[in-house]
Amino acid sequence: MKTKLLPRITEVMLYLLAAFVLFCAVTLYIPGSGWDQIISQYCEADANPVALRVFLTVAAAFALWILFELLLVMRTVFSDPFVERNVRAFVRMGIAAEVAGAMFAVRCIAYFTPMTAVCAIVMLLTGLFALVLAGVFRRAVAFKRENDLTI
């Protein structure tokens, strides 16, 4: 019973995080939600508030994509996680994280903040981690197939 508790807690946390990101992305465009004040304080005369809103929306879309890929991988934890679908999911997550990291790096060049630089580094490292994990899962799937063919 305890062995299934941690994956369940992780799954619930992923759903909560996805709901939070979706909530933030939706309220970004609702007038009077508080985002207008945050964006006006963040954007000085040299920054574009529309570009910031678009940037935040795209970042939220990448975050949701990665979260839902993780949720699909979590569904296989109880049955058989070493399947080709999970390998492809980790590759997609890695590519999405690398693109998001590049997006944050470009944002650093256009308008530098320390937190944007930290986000760029974290996303780039996360993308590399997911791509390495895809390679590990690819080998595990190959070993599993070979083992299944062995009498």
C-alpha atoms as a PDB file:
ATOM      1  CA  MET A   1       0.000   0.000   0.000  1.00  0.00           C
ATOM      2  CA  LYS A   2       2.795   2.445   0.861  1.00  0.00           C
ATOM      3  CA  THR A   3       4.526   1.863  -2.466  1.00  0.00           C
ATOM      4  CA  LYS A   4       1.573   3.423  -4.301  1.00  0.00           C
ATOM      5  CA  LEU A   5       1.351   6.456  -2.015  1.00  0.00           C
ATOM      6  CA  LEU A   6       4.295   8.433  -3.396  1.00  0.00           C
ATOM      7  CA  PRO A   7       3.226   8.200  -7.070  1.00  0.00           C
ATOM      8  CA  ARG A   8      -0.316   9.217  -6.081  1.00  0.00           C
ATOM      9  CA  ILE A   9       0.949  12.216  -4.130  1.00  0.00           C
ATOM     10  CA  THR A  10       3.170  13.172  -7.074  1.00  0.00           C
ATOM     11  CA  GLU A  11       0.241  12.883  -9.470  1.00  0.00           C
ATOM     12  CA  VAL A  12      -1.942  15.095  -7.264  1.00  0.00           C
ATOM     13  CA  MET A  13       0.854  17.659  -7.028  1.00  0.00           C
ATOM     14  CA  LEU A  14       1.226  17.662 -10.817  1.00  0.00           C
ATOM     15  CA  TYR A  15      -2.524  18.268 -11.237  1.00  0.00           C
ATOM     16  CA  LEU A  16      -2.431  21.092  -8.678  1.00  0.00           C
ATOM     17  CA  LEU A  17       0.553  22.688 -10.385  1.00  0.00           C
ATOM     18  CA  ALA A  18      -1.139  22.412 -13.791  1.00  0.00           C
ATOM     19  CA  ALA A  19      -4.299  24.015 -12.353  1.00  0.00           C
ATOM     20  CA  PHE A  20      -2.231  26.844 -10.869  1.00  0.00           C
ATOM     21  CA  VAL A  21      -0.374  27.528 -14.134  1.00  0.00           C
ATOM     22  CA  LEU A  22      -3.642  27.440 -16.082  1.00  0.00           C
ATOM     23  CA  PHE A  23      -5.272  29.782 -13.549  1.00  0.00           C
ATOM     24  CA  CYS A  24      -2.376  32.252 -13.852  1.00  0.00           C
ATOM     25  CA  ALA A  25      -2.425  32.078 -17.647  1.00  0.00           C
ATOM     26  CA  VAL A  26      -6.173  32.698 -17.823  1.00  0.00           C
ATOM     27  CA  THR A  27      -6.240  35.510 -15.266  1.00  0.00           C
ATOM     28  CA  LEU A  28      -3.406  37.201 -17.150  1.00  0.00           C
ATOM     29  CA  TYR A  29      -6.035  38.473 -19.616  1.00  0.00           C
ATOM     30  CA  ILE A  30      -8.853  39.265 -17.165  1.00  0.00           C
ATOM     31  CA  PRO A  31      -9.073  42.990 -16.400  1.00  0.00           C
ATOM     32  CA  GLY A  32      -8.913  43.793 -12.699  1.00  0.00           C
ATOM     33  CA  SER A  33      -7.244  40.491 -11.794  1.00  0.00           C
ATOM     34  CA  GLY A  34      -4.156  42.223 -10.439  1.00  0.00           C
ATOM     35  CA  TRP A  35      -1.879  41.355 -13.342  1.00  0.00           C
ATOM     36  CA  ASP A  36      -2.202  44.859 -14.778  1.00  0.00           C
ATOM     37  CA  GLN A  37      -0.623  46.334 -11.649  1.00  0.00           C
ATOM     38  CA  ILE A  38       2.142  43.723 -11.578  1.00  0.00           C
ATOM     39  CA  ILE A  39       2.947  44.217 -15.256  1.00  0.00           C
ATOM     40  CA  SER A  40       2.905  48.028 -14.976  1.00  0.00           C
ATOM     41  CA  GLN A  41       5.298  47.849 -11.991  1.00  0.00           C
ATOM     42  CA  TYR A  42       7.537  45.353 -13.813  1.00  0.00           C
ATOM     43  CA  CYS A  43       7.503  47.142 -17.142  1.00  0.00           C
ATOM     44  CA  GLU A  44       9.262  50.458 -17.046  1.00  0.00           C
ATOM     45  CA  ALA A  45       9.367  52.898 -19.921  1.00  0.00           C
ATOM     46  CA  ASP A  46      11.710  50.681 -21.951  1.00  0.00           C
ATOM     47  CA  ALA A  47       9.711  47.435 -21.700  1.00  0.00           C
ATOM     48  CA  ASN A  48       6.639  46.393 -23.658  1.00  0.00           C
ATOM     49  CA  PRO A  49       3.717  45.124 -21.525  1.00  0.00           C
ATOM     50  CA  VAL A  50       2.125  43.334 -24.489  1.00  0.00           C
ATOM     51  CA  ALA A  51       5.342  41.455 -25.190  1.00  0.00           C
ATOM     52  CA  LEU A  52       5.578  40.489 -21.513  1.00  0.00           C
ATOM     53  CA  ARG A  53       2.012  39.148 -21.567  1.00  0.00           C
ATOM     54  CA  VAL A  54       2.744  37.111 -24.699  1.00  0.00           C
ATOM     55  CA  PHE A  55       6.000  35.847 -23.165  1.00  0.00           C
ATOM     56  CA  LEU A  56       4.203  34.740 -19.986  1.00  0.00           C
ATOM     57  CA  THR A  57       1.472  33.030 -22.021  1.00  0.00           C
ATOM     58  CA  VAL A  58       3.990  31.087 -24.107  1.00  0.00           C
ATOM     59  CA  ALA A  59       5.944  30.134 -20.968  1.00  0.00           C
ATOM     60  CA  ALA A  60       2.713  28.888 -19.385  1.00  0.00           C
ATOM     61  CA  ALA A  61       1.916  26.862 -22.504  1.00  0.00           C
ATOM     62  CA  PHE A  62       5.326  25.169 -22.349  1.00  0.00           C
ATOM     63  CA  ALA A  63       4.866  24.492 -18.627  1.00  0.00           C
ATOM     64  CA  LEU A  64       1.437  22.945 -19.212  1.00  0.00           C
ATOM     65  CA  TRP A  65       2.776  20.809 -22.060  1.00  0.00           C
ATOM     66  CA  ILE A  66       5.553  19.444 -19.847  1.00  0.00           C
ATOM     67  CA  LEU A  67       3.169  18.871 -16.927  1.00  0.00           C
ATOM     68  CA  PHE A  68       0.670  16.933 -19.024  1.00  0.00           C
ATOM     69  CA  GLU A  69       3.444  14.808 -20.539  1.00  0.00           C
ATOM     70  CA  LEU A  70       4.580  14.032 -16.994  1.00  0.00           C
ATOM     71  CA  LEU A  71       1.032  13.108 -16.016  1.00  0.00           C
ATOM     72  CA  LEU A  72       0.837  10.673 -18.929  1.00  0.00           C
ATOM     73  CA  VAL A  73       4.130   9.109 -17.841  1.00  0.00           C
ATOM     74  CA  MET A  74       2.861   8.859 -14.254  1.00  0.00           C
ATOM     75  CA  ARG A  75      -0.097   6.771 -15.431  1.00  0.00           C
ATOM     76  CA  THR A  76       2.290   4.027 -16.527  1.00  0.00           C
ATOM     77  CA  VAL A  77       4.148   3.847 -13.194  1.00  0.00           C
ATOM     78  CA  PHE A  78       1.821   1.203 -11.761  1.00  0.00           C
ATOM     79  CA  SER A  79       1.754  -1.030 -14.823  1.00  0.00           C
ATOM     80  CA  ASP A  80       4.881  -0.805 -17.011  1.00  0.00           C
ATOM     81  CA  PRO A  81       6.842   2.463 -17.229  1.00  0.00           C
ATOM     82  CA  PHE A  82       9.404   1.108 -19.693  1.00  0.00           C
ATOM     83  CA  VAL A  83       7.440   1.618 -22.893  1.00  0.00           C
ATOM     84  CA  GLU A  84       8.334   3.471 -26.069  1.00  0.00           C
ATOM     85  CA  ARG A  85       5.594   6.051 -25.437  1.00  0.00           C
ATOM     86  CA  ASN A  86       7.444   7.243 -22.304  1.00  0.00           C
ATOM     87  CA  VAL A  87      10.698   7.543 -24.242  1.00  0.00           C
ATOM     88  CA  ARG A  88       8.974   9.809 -26.763  1.00  0.00           C
ATOM     89  CA  ALA A  89       7.351  11.759 -23.902  1.00  0.00           C
ATOM     90  CA  PHE A  90      10.724  12.452 -22.300  1.00  0.00           C
ATOM     91  CA  VAL A  91      12.140  13.554 -25.654  1.00  0.00           C
ATOM     92  CA  ARG A  92       9.187  15.925 -26.153  1.00  0.00           C
ATOM     93  CA  MET A  93       9.575  17.272 -22.605  1.00  0.00           C
ATOM     94  CA  GLY A  94      13.289  17.779 -23.154  1.00  0.00           C
ATOM     95  CA  ILE A  95      12.776  19.644 -26.401  1.00  0.00           C
ATOM     96  CA  ALA A  96      10.015  21.787 -24.865  1.00  0.00           C
ATOM     97  CA  ALA A  97      12.235  22.645 -21.893  1.00  0.00           C
ATOM     98  CA  GLU A  98      15.166  23.495 -24.171  1.00  0.00           C
ATOM     99  CA  VAL A  99      12.992  25.774 -26.317  1.00  0.00           C
ATOM    100  CA  ALA A 100      11.577  27.428 -23.188  1.00  0.00           C
ATOM    101  CA  GLY A 101      15.099  27.847 -21.825  1.00  0.00           C
ATOM    102  CA  ALA A 102      16.202  29.453 -25.086  1.00  0.00           C
ATOM    103  CA  MET A 103      13.160  31.719 -24.892  1.00  0.00           C
ATOM    104  CA  PHE A 104      14.181  32.792 -21.362  1.00  0.00           C
ATOM    105  CA  ALA A 105      17.779  33.329 -22.539  1.00  0.00           C
ATOM    106  CA  VAL A 106      16.574  35.596 -25.364  1.00  0.00           C
ATOM    107  CA  ARG A 107      14.440  37.432 -22.825  1.00  0.00           C
ATOM    108  CA  CYS A 108      17.600  37.953 -20.738  1.00  0.00           C
ATOM    109  CA  ILE A 109      19.299  39.565 -23.711  1.00  0.00           C
ATOM    110  CA  ALA A 110      16.313  41.817 -24.409  1.00  0.00           C
ATOM    111  CA  TYR A 111      15.508  42.709 -20.783  1.00  0.00           C
ATOM    112  CA  PHE A 112      17.756  41.248 -18.089  1.00  0.00           C
ATOM    113  CA  THR A 113      16.510  40.282 -14.659  1.00  0.00           C
ATOM    114  CA  PRO A 114      18.293  37.829 -12.355  1.00  0.00           C
ATOM    115  CA  MET A 115      15.205  35.630 -12.066  1.00  0.00           C
ATOM    116  CA  THR A 116      14.882  35.332 -15.832  1.00  0.00           C
ATOM    117  CA  ALA A 117      18.514  34.208 -15.997  1.00  0.00           C
ATOM    118  CA  VAL A 118      17.868  31.628 -13.270  1.00  0.00           C
ATOM    119  CA  CYS A 119      14.785  30.382 -15.132  1.00  0.00           C
ATOM    120  CA  ALA A 120      16.807  30.076 -18.346  1.00  0.00           C
ATOM    121  CA  ILE A 121      19.487  28.006 -16.616  1.00  0.00           C
ATOM    122  CA  VAL A 122      16.947  25.802 -14.827  1.00  0.00           C
ATOM    123  CA  MET A 123      14.952  25.165 -18.007  1.00  0.00           C
ATOM    124  CA  LEU A 124      18.060  24.341 -20.034  1.00  0.00           C
ATOM    125  CA  LEU A 125      19.284  21.924 -17.338  1.00  0.00           C
ATOM    126  CA  THR A 126      15.830  20.378 -17.024  1.00  0.00           C
ATOM    127  CA  GLY A 127      15.708  19.844 -20.766  1.00  0.00           C
ATOM    128  CA  LEU A 128      19.082  18.118 -20.701  1.00  0.00           C
ATOM    129  CA  PHE A 129      17.934  15.973 -17.780  1.00  0.00           C
ATOM    130  CA  ALA A 130      14.797  14.914 -19.663  1.00  0.00           C
ATOM    131  CA  LEU A 131      16.810  14.055 -22.781  1.00  0.00           C
ATOM    132  CA  VAL A 132      19.252  11.950 -20.730  1.00  0.00           C
ATOM    133  CA  LEU A 133      16.309  10.251 -19.039  1.00  0.00           C
ATOM    134  CA  ALA A 134      14.847   9.505 -22.478  1.00  0.00           C
ATOM    135  CA  GLY A 135      18.104   7.760 -23.381  1.00  0.00           C
ATOM    136  CA  VAL A 136      17.997   5.727 -20.165  1.00  0.00           C
ATOM    137  CA  PHE A 137      14.390   4.744 -20.804  1.00  0.00           C
ATOM    138  CA  ARG A 138      15.238   3.865 -24.421  1.00  0.00           C
ATOM    139  CA  ARG A 139      17.896   1.424 -23.158  1.00  0.00           C
ATOM    140  CA  ALA A 140      15.498   0.036 -20.544  1.00  0.00           C
ATOM    141  CA  VAL A 141      12.851  -0.583 -23.211  1.00  0.00           C
ATOM    142  CA  ALA A 142      15.436  -2.395 -25.358  1.00  0.00           C
ATOM    143  CA  PHE A 143      16.540  -4.539 -22.409  1.00  0.00           C
ATOM    144  CA  LYS A 144      12.909  -5.283 -21.540  1.00  0.00           C
ATOM    145  CA  ARG A 145      12.133  -6.355 -25.113  1.00  0.00           C
ATOM    146  CA  GLU A 146      15.188  -8.586 -25.157  1.00  0.00           C
ATOM    147  CA  ASN A 147      14.225 -10.050 -21.790  1.00  0.00           C
ATOM    148  CA  ASP A 148      10.648 -10.674 -22.950  1.00  0.00           C
ATOM    149  CA  LEU A 149      11.968 -12.629 -25.958  1.00  0.00           C
ATOM    150  CA  THR A 150      14.166 -14.787 -23.746  1.00  0.00           C
ATOM    151  CA  ILE A 151      12.603 -18.102 -22.765  1.00  0.00           C
END
